[in-house]
């Protein structure tokens, strides 16, 4: 099975030093990835750390089937390279969810391998049974991995549009979830205390893994689409803790350190995302946004007056402006309009207009989605601002140009206590002198299934078209 004999060279100081260097590289990677300007350097540190960890493990441990392992690495690397080159930026959130599912599945498979062949992992006690502490590590790693896998599959399907983004609220779901989680905890304790039976014979482990797969589905299905950024970061955290638990089973320091870093950073990011939406982490897990939305998460349509504009109208207004704040959202990603948007901004700057970009923490469908898109279009980093840094500037802005951002600009979050998004911090685009709101049509609501009050404000002009075509039209009109 290609199992690592983890007890060999366990005290070799050079191995510990190499893993320490790898861990430091991962810390620098996280530090670099916290800012778009240093993200490439952070990626390089991450790749270097992983290379050191993998090479150290292969060189210093007795590997059964080294050729097969190298072939597997080559196949995986090729798939990753091809996927990275071909994947559209709009599909990045579901790609991340898919990757999380693979990490979770890997943790489950390692746990199963250790359960079936504990001698190869060096986790047998003197009585010929698996050590109690190893049983706990194995059970936790496999359970967290199973939850990560099944939860990530549901997140992928929702983000990919393969299933509705609206919450699927099962009857008595909280009671069911608590019962299943309680069962997993009890089974883990019973499995740890059960010393009888040979390797792979205890049914408790298999039941525990099956319940973990089930709770992953049950936890994510009732979560609405607007909470997907939190779900993605939460699953990222789960995948880290699963890896850390398996690191204890494998006696691999690098896995423990790396898993702990990923798990803790994902948890911190989840907290930041929840804070950005004025939601507690528990409330998101319990169901999140959209629970009171209309059928399939759609908003109730209201026949109200609104203003329509054209590319020429938008270009005329922006040429007369002194300052324009651009607010990108998922609609920009769908239309792949980021390059045209940067061209529009360059034209405006040629006319002496100040241009800035405002990014909401949960814009798009995963944390940092908009930052990545703007970086891809070579938008200068010093023109991109987070919500807390730019929100006060909307009141002085001549124009707020919203391109495909819906829920994060909805004033109802501040005024309508009956709204599912009430209390979520939003960008104050409604305070700008003029709002140019670009979306495909008036039909359809945001991902939270809530109609945007901004559409009907006196200072809002709706630009209804494909985002890229409209921005291209504005660019031509600016010449």
Protein backbone atom coordinates (compact mmCIF):
# COMPACT_ATOMS: atom_id res chain seq x y z
CA UNK A 1 0.00 0.00 0.00
CA UNK A 2 2.99 2.31 -0.04
CA UNK A 3 2.94 2.82 3.74
CA UNK A 4 5.57 4.98 5.39
CA UNK A 5 7.58 3.33 8.15
CA UNK A 6 7.37 6.37 10.36
CA UNK A 7 9.41 5.10 13.26
CA UNK A 8 12.65 5.03 11.28
CA UNK A 9 14.95 7.97 11.94
CA UNK A 10 12.28 9.52 14.18
CA UNK A 11 14.98 11.11 16.34
CA UNK A 12 17.26 12.20 13.50
CA UNK A 13 18.03 15.87 14.25
CA UNK A 14 18.43 16.68 10.56
CA UNK A 15 14.90 15.49 9.88
CA UNK A 16 13.57 17.68 12.68
CA UNK A 17 15.57 20.63 11.34
CA UNK A 18 14.25 20.12 7.81
CA UNK A 19 10.68 19.96 9.06
CA UNK A 20 11.30 23.09 11.12
CA UNK A 21 12.52 24.94 8.03
CA UNK A 22 9.45 23.71 6.13
CA UNK A 23 7.21 24.98 8.93
CA UNK A 24 8.90 28.39 8.85
CA UNK A 25 8.37 28.51 5.09
CA UNK A 26 4.66 27.82 5.61
CA UNK A 27 4.44 30.64 8.15
CA UNK A 28 6.08 33.02 5.67
CA UNK A 29 3.66 31.72 3.02
CA UNK A 30 0.64 32.61 5.15
CA UNK A 31 2.16 35.99 5.89
CA UNK A 32 2.74 36.67 2.20
CA UNK A 33 -0.73 35.54 1.17
CA UNK A 34 -2.32 38.03 3.56
CA UNK A 35 -1.58 40.84 1.10
CA UNK A 36 -2.05 40.84 -2.71
CA UNK A 37 1.25 42.66 -3.19
CA UNK A 38 3.24 39.91 -1.45
CA UNK A 39 1.06 36.95 -2.48
CA UNK A 40 3.44 35.67 -5.17
CA UNK A 41 6.30 35.62 -2.69
CA UNK A 42 4.03 33.82 -0.24
CA UNK A 43 3.23 31.20 -2.86
CA UNK A 44 6.92 30.61 -3.47
CA UNK A 45 7.55 30.11 0.24
CA UNK A 46 4.65 27.63 0.38
CA UNK A 47 5.99 25.64 -2.57
CA UNK A 48 9.50 25.63 -1.09
CA UNK A 49 8.20 24.44 2.29
CA UNK A 50 6.17 21.65 0.73
CA UNK A 51 9.11 20.55 -1.42
CA UNK A 52 11.37 20.38 1.65
CA UNK A 53 8.79 18.39 3.63
CA UNK A 54 8.07 15.89 0.84
CA UNK A 55 11.72 15.34 -0.12
CA UNK A 56 12.74 14.94 3.53
CA UNK A 57 10.05 12.32 4.08
CA UNK A 58 10.99 10.38 0.96
CA UNK A 59 14.73 10.47 1.64
CA UNK A 60 14.80 9.75 5.37
CA UNK A 61 12.05 7.12 5.65
CA UNK A 62 11.84 3.59 4.39
CA UNK A 63 9.23 3.83 1.62
CA UNK A 64 7.50 0.76 0.24
CA UNK A 65 6.74 1.27 -3.44
CA UNK A 66 8.80 4.44 -4.01
CA UNK A 67 8.30 4.18 -7.77
CA UNK A 68 4.53 4.06 -7.37
CA UNK A 69 4.64 7.08 -5.06
CA UNK A 70 6.73 9.10 -7.53
CA UNK A 71 4.33 8.16 -10.34
CA UNK A 72 1.40 9.27 -8.20
CA UNK A 73 3.15 12.58 -7.47
CA UNK A 74 3.81 13.09 -11.18
CA UNK A 75 0.19 12.35 -12.09
CA UNK A 76 -1.14 14.64 -9.37
CA UNK A 77 1.27 17.41 -10.31
CA UNK A 78 0.29 17.17 -13.96
CA UNK A 79 -3.42 17.32 -13.13
CA UNK A 80 -2.80 20.31 -10.88
CA UNK A 81 -0.76 22.14 -13.53
CA UNK A 82 -3.33 21.56 -16.28
CA UNK A 83 -6.20 22.54 -13.99
CA UNK A 84 -4.46 25.74 -12.86
CA UNK A 85 -3.85 26.80 -16.46
CA UNK A 86 -7.34 26.00 -17.72
CA UNK A 87 -9.60 26.93 -14.82
CA UNK A 88 -11.65 30.09 -15.27
CA UNK A 89 -11.47 32.65 -12.48
CA UNK A 90 -15.24 32.36 -12.09
CA UNK A 91 -14.76 28.71 -11.15
CA UNK A 92 -12.06 29.37 -8.55
CA UNK A 93 -14.42 29.05 -5.51
CA UNK A 94 -15.67 25.62 -6.55
CA UNK A 95 -12.11 24.56 -7.41
CA UNK A 96 -11.03 25.43 -3.87
CA UNK A 97 -13.99 23.45 -2.49
CA UNK A 98 -12.98 20.49 -4.67
CA UNK A 99 -9.41 20.65 -3.39
CA UNK A 100 -10.66 20.68 0.20
CA UNK A 101 -12.68 17.55 -0.51
CA UNK A 102 -9.53 15.78 -1.74
CA UNK A 103 -7.63 16.73 1.43
CA UNK A 104 -10.47 15.36 3.53
CA UNK A 105 -10.64 12.14 1.53
CA UNK A 106 -6.86 11.70 1.84
CA UNK A 107 -7.16 11.97 5.63
CA UNK A 108 -9.90 9.32 5.64
CA UNK A 109 -7.81 6.97 3.48
CA UNK A 110 -4.76 7.38 5.74
CA UNK A 111 -6.94 6.63 8.76
CA UNK A 112 -8.37 3.53 7.08
CA UNK A 113 -4.86 2.37 6.08
CA UNK A 114 -3.63 2.79 9.66
CA UNK A 115 -6.67 0.93 10.98
CA UNK A 116 -6.16 -2.00 8.59
CA UNK A 117 -2.35 -2.16 8.89
CA UNK A 118 -1.33 -0.61 12.23
CA UNK A 119 1.99 -2.44 12.37
CA UNK A 120 3.28 -0.55 9.34
CA UNK A 121 2.43 2.72 11.10
CA UNK A 122 4.14 1.69 14.34
CA UNK A 123 0.99 2.16 16.43
CA UNK A 124 0.66 -1.33 17.94
CA UNK A 125 1.03 -1.80 21.69
CA UNK A 126 2.73 -4.65 23.48
CA UNK A 127 -0.56 -6.58 23.62
CA UNK A 128 -0.84 -6.59 19.83
CA UNK A 129 -3.69 -4.04 19.79
CA UNK A 130 -3.67 -0.47 18.48
CA UNK A 131 -2.57 2.01 21.13
CA UNK A 132 -5.46 3.94 22.72
CA UNK A 133 -3.92 7.32 21.89
CA UNK A 134 -3.45 6.21 18.29
CA UNK A 135 -7.10 5.16 18.15
CA UNK A 136 -8.14 8.66 19.22
CA UNK A 137 -5.84 10.29 16.65
CA UNK A 138 -7.03 7.94 13.94
CA UNK A 139 -10.70 8.43 14.76
CA UNK A 140 -10.45 12.22 14.93
CA UNK A 141 -8.46 12.48 11.70
CA UNK A 142 -10.79 10.19 9.78
CA UNK A 143 -13.93 11.86 11.19
CA UNK A 144 -12.76 15.41 10.45
CA UNK A 145 -11.59 14.28 7.01
CA UNK A 146 -14.95 12.68 6.24
CA UNK A 147 -16.81 15.82 7.32
CA UNK A 148 -14.49 17.91 5.16
CA UNK A 149 -14.99 15.66 2.15
CA UNK A 150 -18.78 15.44 2.18
CA UNK A 151 -19.22 19.09 3.19
CA UNK A 152 -16.89 20.21 0.41
CA UNK A 153 -18.82 18.16 -2.13
CA UNK A 154 -22.04 20.00 -1.19
CA UNK A 155 -20.22 23.35 -1.25
CA UNK A 156 -18.84 22.53 -4.71
CA UNK A 157 -22.30 21.61 -6.04
CA UNK A 158 -23.82 24.84 -4.66
CA UNK A 159 -21.03 27.05 -5.96
CA UNK A 160 -21.07 25.32 -9.33
CA UNK A 161 -24.81 25.79 -9.69
CA UNK A 162 -25.36 22.02 -9.82
CA UNK A 163 -27.77 22.38 -6.90
CA UNK A 164 -29.71 25.32 -5.55
CA UNK A 165 -27.82 27.88 -3.49
CA UNK A 166 -30.93 28.28 -1.32
CA UNK A 167 -30.89 26.65 2.14
CA UNK A 168 -32.36 23.15 2.22
CA UNK A 169 -33.93 23.06 5.67
CA UNK A 170 -34.60 19.53 6.88
CA UNK A 171 -37.22 18.99 9.61
CA UNK A 172 -35.65 18.84 13.09
CA UNK A 173 -32.24 19.35 11.49
CA UNK A 174 -30.67 20.73 14.68
CA UNK A 175 -31.78 17.68 16.68
CA UNK A 176 -30.49 15.35 13.94
CA UNK A 177 -27.14 17.16 13.72
CA UNK A 178 -26.64 17.15 17.49
CA UNK A 179 -27.55 13.46 17.66
CA UNK A 180 -25.09 12.54 14.91
CA UNK A 181 -22.30 14.67 16.40
CA UNK A 182 -22.99 13.16 19.82
CA UNK A 183 -22.85 9.71 18.27
CA UNK A 184 -19.45 10.47 16.70
CA UNK A 185 -18.07 11.61 20.05
CA UNK A 186 -19.41 8.54 21.87
CA UNK A 187 -18.11 6.19 19.17
CA UNK A 188 -14.68 7.84 19.33
CA UNK A 189 -14.55 7.23 23.08
CA UNK A 190 -15.75 3.62 22.73
CA UNK A 191 -13.29 2.98 19.91
CA UNK A 192 -10.42 4.37 22.01
CA UNK A 193 -11.34 2.10 24.93
CA UNK A 194 -11.93 -1.03 22.87
CA UNK A 195 -8.72 -3.02 22.85
CA UNK A 196 -10.10 -6.34 21.69
CA UNK A 197 -10.06 -7.55 18.10
CA UNK A 198 -7.36 -7.57 15.47
CA UNK A 199 -6.55 -4.80 12.99
CA UNK A 200 -9.59 -3.71 10.99
CA UNK A 201 -12.03 -5.85 12.97
CA UNK A 202 -13.78 -3.24 15.13
CA UNK A 203 -17.08 -2.07 13.56
CA UNK A 204 -17.00 1.09 15.68
CA UNK A 205 -14.46 2.74 13.38
CA UNK A 206 -16.52 2.10 10.25
CA UNK A 207 -19.72 3.35 11.86
CA UNK A 208 -17.90 6.47 13.07
CA UNK A 209 -16.59 7.25 9.57
CA UNK A 210 -20.03 6.68 8.02
CA UNK A 211 -21.66 9.09 10.51
CA UNK A 212 -18.92 11.65 9.80
CA UNK A 213 -19.65 11.50 6.07
CA UNK A 214 -23.34 11.98 6.85
CA UNK A 215 -22.86 14.99 9.17
CA UNK A 216 -20.76 16.72 6.52
CA UNK A 217 -23.72 16.67 4.16
CA UNK A 218 -26.18 17.63 6.90
CA UNK A 219 -24.10 20.60 8.06
CA UNK A 220 -23.64 22.24 4.65
CA UNK A 221 -27.00 21.54 2.95
CA UNK A 222 -28.94 24.07 5.12
CA UNK A 223 -26.40 26.84 4.57
CA UNK A 224 -27.51 29.49 2.07
CA UNK A 225 -25.44 30.74 -0.84
CA UNK A 226 -24.54 34.08 0.74
CA UNK A 227 -22.66 32.23 3.49
CA UNK A 228 -20.49 30.31 1.01
CA UNK A 229 -17.38 32.46 1.66
CA UNK A 230 -17.54 31.40 5.31
CA UNK A 231 -18.15 27.78 4.33
CA UNK A 232 -15.10 27.76 2.05
CA UNK A 233 -12.82 29.15 4.78
CA UNK A 234 -14.40 26.86 7.37
CA UNK A 235 -13.77 23.77 5.23
CA UNK A 236 -10.22 25.00 4.72
CA UNK A 237 -9.85 24.97 8.50
CA UNK A 238 -11.33 21.47 8.76
CA UNK A 239 -8.91 20.14 6.15
CA UNK A 240 -6.01 21.51 8.19
CA UNK A 241 -7.14 19.87 11.42
CA UNK A 242 -7.69 16.58 9.58
CA UNK A 243 -4.12 16.74 8.27
CA UNK A 244 -2.78 17.57 11.74
CA UNK A 245 -4.59 14.60 13.29
CA UNK A 246 -3.19 12.29 10.61
CA UNK A 247 0.24 13.78 11.28
CA UNK A 248 0.06 12.38 14.82
CA UNK A 249 -0.93 8.97 13.44
CA UNK A 250 2.02 9.06 11.01
CA UNK A 251 4.36 10.58 13.62
CA UNK A 252 5.14 13.25 11.02
CA UNK A 253 6.04 16.63 12.50
CA UNK A 254 5.68 18.46 9.20
CA UNK A 255 2.06 17.32 8.81
CA UNK A 256 1.24 18.32 12.38
CA UNK A 257 2.73 21.80 11.99
CA UNK A 258 1.30 22.36 8.52
CA UNK A 259 -2.15 21.09 9.51
CA UNK A 260 -2.20 23.27 12.61
CA UNK A 261 -1.22 26.34 10.58
CA UNK A 262 -3.91 25.70 7.95
CA UNK A 263 -6.51 24.84 10.57
CA UNK A 264 -5.87 27.89 12.74
CA UNK A 265 -5.58 30.32 9.81
CA UNK A 266 -8.80 28.95 8.31
CA UNK A 267 -10.57 29.36 11.65
CA UNK A 268 -9.34 32.95 11.95
CA UNK A 269 -10.46 33.69 8.39
CA UNK A 270 -13.88 32.17 9.14
CA UNK A 271 -14.18 34.49 12.14
CA UNK A 272 -13.24 37.48 9.99
CA UNK A 273 -15.82 36.49 7.38
CA UNK A 274 -18.53 36.06 10.03
CA UNK A 275 -17.66 39.42 11.51
CA UNK A 276 -17.90 40.99 8.04
CA UNK A 277 -21.44 39.61 7.75
CA UNK A 278 -22.41 40.35 11.36
CA UNK A 279 -23.02 36.64 11.93
CA UNK A 280 -21.78 34.28 14.60
CA UNK A 281 -19.94 31.19 13.43
CA UNK A 282 -22.55 28.99 15.12
CA UNK A 283 -25.42 30.75 13.33
CA UNK A 284 -23.76 30.12 9.96
CA UNK A 285 -23.33 26.42 10.72
CA UNK A 286 -26.94 26.30 11.89
CA UNK A 287 -28.29 27.64 8.61
CA UNK A 288 -27.06 31.17 7.88
CA UNK A 289 -28.63 33.50 5.39
CA UNK A 290 -31.60 32.94 3.16
CA UNK A 291 -33.77 30.89 5.52
CA UNK A 292 -36.64 33.32 5.10
CA UNK A 293 -36.12 34.02 1.41
CA UNK A 294 -38.67 33.11 -1.22
CA UNK A 295 -38.82 29.85 -3.17
CA UNK A 296 -35.42 28.61 -4.24
CA UNK A 297 -33.90 31.59 -2.44
CA UNK A 298 -35.44 34.07 -4.89
CA UNK A 299 -36.51 37.51 -3.73
CA UNK A 300 -40.07 38.76 -3.88
CA UNK A 301 -40.33 40.92 -7.01
CA UNK A 302 -41.79 44.41 -6.51
CA UNK A 303 -43.00 46.56 -9.39
CA UNK A 304 -41.29 49.87 -8.63
CA UNK A 305 -39.92 52.69 -10.80
CA UNK A 306 -36.23 52.72 -11.68
CA UNK A 307 -33.93 54.61 -14.04
CA UNK A 308 -32.23 52.99 -17.04
CA UNK A 309 -29.06 54.28 -18.66
CA UNK A 310 -26.69 53.46 -21.51
CA UNK A 311 -22.92 53.19 -21.96
CA UNK A 312 -22.90 56.71 -23.40
CA UNK A 313 -24.78 58.04 -20.35
CA UNK A 314 -22.33 56.39 -17.99
CA UNK A 315 -19.29 57.64 -19.91
CA UNK A 316 -20.64 61.22 -19.94
CA UNK A 317 -21.29 61.20 -16.19
CA UNK A 318 -17.92 59.70 -15.31
CA UNK A 319 -15.98 62.11 -17.53
CA UNK A 320 -17.57 64.99 -15.59
CA UNK A 321 -16.72 63.43 -12.22
CA UNK A 322 -13.74 64.13 -10.02
CA UNK A 323 -13.81 60.82 -8.17
CA UNK A 324 -15.16 57.37 -9.06
CA UNK A 325 -15.22 54.38 -6.73
CA UNK A 326 -15.60 51.02 -8.48
CA UNK A 327 -17.27 48.19 -6.57
CA UNK A 328 -16.65 44.78 -8.22
CA UNK A 329 -18.72 41.69 -7.48
CA UNK A 330 -19.36 38.18 -8.69
CA UNK A 331 -21.14 39.48 -11.81
CA UNK A 332 -17.81 40.94 -12.95
CA UNK A 333 -16.23 37.51 -12.52
CA UNK A 334 -18.96 35.77 -14.50
CA UNK A 335 -18.54 38.18 -17.43
CA UNK A 336 -14.71 38.16 -17.16
CA UNK A 337 -14.88 41.95 -17.25
CA UNK A 338 -11.89 42.75 -15.03
CA UNK A 339 -9.55 43.59 -17.93
CA UNK A 340 -12.12 45.85 -19.59
CA UNK A 341 -12.75 47.46 -16.20
CA UNK A 342 -9.07 48.28 -15.76
CA UNK A 343 -9.04 49.77 -19.27
CA UNK A 344 -12.04 51.91 -18.34
CA UNK A 345 -10.27 53.07 -15.19
CA UNK A 346 -7.15 53.96 -17.20
CA UNK A 347 -9.28 56.06 -19.59
CA UNK A 348 -10.90 57.86 -16.66
CA UNK A 349 -7.50 58.64 -15.16
CA UNK A 350 -6.45 60.12 -18.50
CA UNK A 351 -9.41 62.50 -18.09
CA UNK A 352 -8.16 63.49 -14.62
CA UNK A 353 -10.64 61.38 -12.67
CA UNK A 354 -9.57 59.80 -9.38
CA UNK A 355 -10.33 56.06 -9.44
CA UNK A 356 -10.42 53.67 -6.50
CA UNK A 357 -11.73 50.14 -5.99
CA UNK A 358 -13.79 49.10 -2.96
CA UNK A 359 -13.71 45.43 -1.94
CA UNK A 360 -16.17 43.88 0.51
CA UNK A 361 -14.69 40.96 2.53
CA UNK A 362 -17.33 38.54 1.23
CA UNK A 363 -17.71 39.86 -2.33
CA UNK A 364 -17.77 36.94 -4.74
CA UNK A 365 -18.05 33.38 -3.51
CA UNK A 366 -14.82 32.91 -1.65
CA UNK A 367 -12.55 35.14 0.46
CA UNK A 368 -10.27 37.30 -1.70
CA UNK A 369 -12.04 36.43 -4.97
CA UNK A 370 -12.26 40.04 -6.16
CA UNK A 371 -8.67 40.81 -5.15
CA UNK A 372 -7.44 37.92 -7.28
CA UNK A 373 -9.46 39.06 -10.30
CA UNK A 374 -8.21 42.64 -10.06
CA UNK A 375 -4.63 41.44 -9.61
CA UNK A 376 -5.05 39.30 -12.73
CA UNK A 377 -6.00 42.49 -14.62
CA UNK A 378 -2.90 44.29 -13.23
CA UNK A 379 -4.93 46.81 -11.24
CA UNK A 380 -2.44 48.70 -9.02
CA UNK A 381 -2.56 47.43 -5.45
CA UNK A 382 -2.61 50.95 -4.03
CA UNK A 383 -5.95 51.62 -5.74
CA UNK A 384 -7.70 48.69 -4.04
CA UNK A 385 -9.24 49.29 -0.60
CA UNK A 386 -11.11 47.14 1.90
CA UNK A 387 -14.52 48.09 3.28
CA UNK A 388 -13.34 49.64 6.53
CA UNK A 389 -10.74 51.77 4.72
CA UNK A 390 -12.97 53.26 2.02
CA UNK A 391 -16.55 53.22 3.31
CA UNK A 392 -16.33 56.77 4.63
CA UNK A 393 -15.29 58.06 1.18
CA UNK A 394 -18.52 57.19 -0.64
CA UNK A 395 -20.24 60.29 0.76
CA UNK A 396 -17.65 62.48 -1.02
CA UNK A 397 -17.54 60.41 -4.23
CA UNK A 398 -19.19 61.72 -7.38
CA UNK A 399 -19.92 58.24 -8.74
CA UNK A 400 -20.05 54.73 -7.33
CA UNK A 401 -19.74 52.27 -10.21
CA UNK A 402 -21.11 48.90 -9.08
CA UNK A 403 -20.34 46.01 -11.41
CA UNK A 404 -22.09 42.80 -10.42
CA UNK A 405 -22.01 43.32 -6.64
CA UNK A 406 -25.45 42.87 -5.13
CA UNK A 407 -25.84 41.76 -1.52
CA UNK A 408 -22.76 43.68 -0.31
CA UNK A 409 -24.24 47.01 -1.54
CA UNK A 410 -27.84 46.55 -0.36
CA UNK A 411 -28.94 49.39 1.97
CA UNK A 412 -31.63 47.09 3.39
CA UNK A 413 -28.88 45.52 5.48
CA UNK A 414 -28.81 48.76 7.47
CA UNK A 415 -32.52 49.65 7.57
CA UNK A 416 -34.80 46.62 7.10
CA UNK A 417 -34.94 44.47 10.22
CA UNK A 418 -37.02 41.87 8.35
CA UNK A 419 -34.32 41.34 5.72
CA UNK A 420 -32.25 38.14 5.92
CA UNK A 421 -29.11 40.26 5.49
CA UNK A 422 -30.00 42.81 8.19
CA UNK A 423 -26.93 43.68 10.25
CA UNK A 424 -24.39 42.71 7.60
CA UNK A 425 -21.87 45.52 7.08
CA UNK A 426 -22.25 46.76 3.49
CA UNK A 427 -20.46 49.24 1.25
CA UNK A 428 -22.16 52.64 1.54
CA UNK A 429 -22.50 53.13 -2.21
CA UNK A 430 -25.94 54.69 -1.73
CA UNK A 431 -24.25 57.75 -0.22
CA UNK A 432 -22.44 58.62 -3.47
CA UNK A 433 -23.88 61.48 -5.54
CA UNK A 434 -24.63 59.06 -8.39
CA UNK A 435 -24.70 55.27 -8.45
CA UNK A 436 -24.18 53.45 -11.74
CA UNK A 437 -25.31 49.87 -11.16
CA UNK A 438 -24.31 47.36 -13.82
CA UNK A 439 -26.14 44.04 -13.92
CA UNK A 440 -27.51 41.74 -16.59
CA UNK A 441 -31.22 42.39 -15.91
CA UNK A 442 -33.65 43.60 -13.28
CA UNK A 443 -34.85 40.04 -12.85
CA UNK A 444 -33.19 37.92 -10.23
CA UNK A 445 -31.77 38.81 -6.85
CA UNK A 446 -28.36 38.45 -5.26
CA UNK A 447 -26.93 35.18 -4.04
CA UNK A 448 -28.72 35.70 -0.73
CA UNK A 449 -32.05 35.83 -2.59
CA UNK A 450 -32.74 39.41 -1.51
CA UNK A 451 -33.84 42.25 -3.80
CA UNK A 452 -31.49 45.24 -3.66
CA UNK A 453 -33.12 48.47 -2.48
CA UNK A 454 -30.38 50.40 -4.23
CA UNK A 455 -31.95 49.70 -7.64
CA UNK A 456 -34.85 52.01 -6.89
CA UNK A 457 -33.03 54.97 -5.30
CA UNK A 458 -33.32 58.38 -6.99
CA UNK A 459 -29.54 58.63 -7.39
CA UNK A 460 -29.18 55.19 -9.04
CA UNK A 461 -28.98 54.56 -12.79
CA UNK A 462 -29.27 50.94 -13.89
CA UNK A 463 -26.99 49.76 -16.72
CA UNK A 464 -28.57 46.51 -17.88
CA UNK A 465 -26.28 44.39 -20.05
CA UNK A 466 -23.51 41.85 -19.98
CA UNK A 467 -20.84 43.44 -17.78
CA UNK A 468 -17.99 43.10 -20.26
CA UNK A 469 -20.04 44.42 -23.21
CA UNK A 470 -21.28 47.40 -21.20
CA UNK A 471 -17.80 48.30 -19.94
CA UNK A 472 -16.39 47.94 -23.47
CA UNK A 473 -19.10 50.34 -24.62
CA UNK A 474 -18.19 52.81 -21.90
CA UNK A 475 -14.51 52.61 -22.92
CA UNK A 476 -15.41 53.44 -26.53
CA UNK A 477 -17.62 56.32 -25.41
CA UNK A 478 -14.78 57.72 -23.28
CA UNK A 479 -12.52 58.10 -26.35
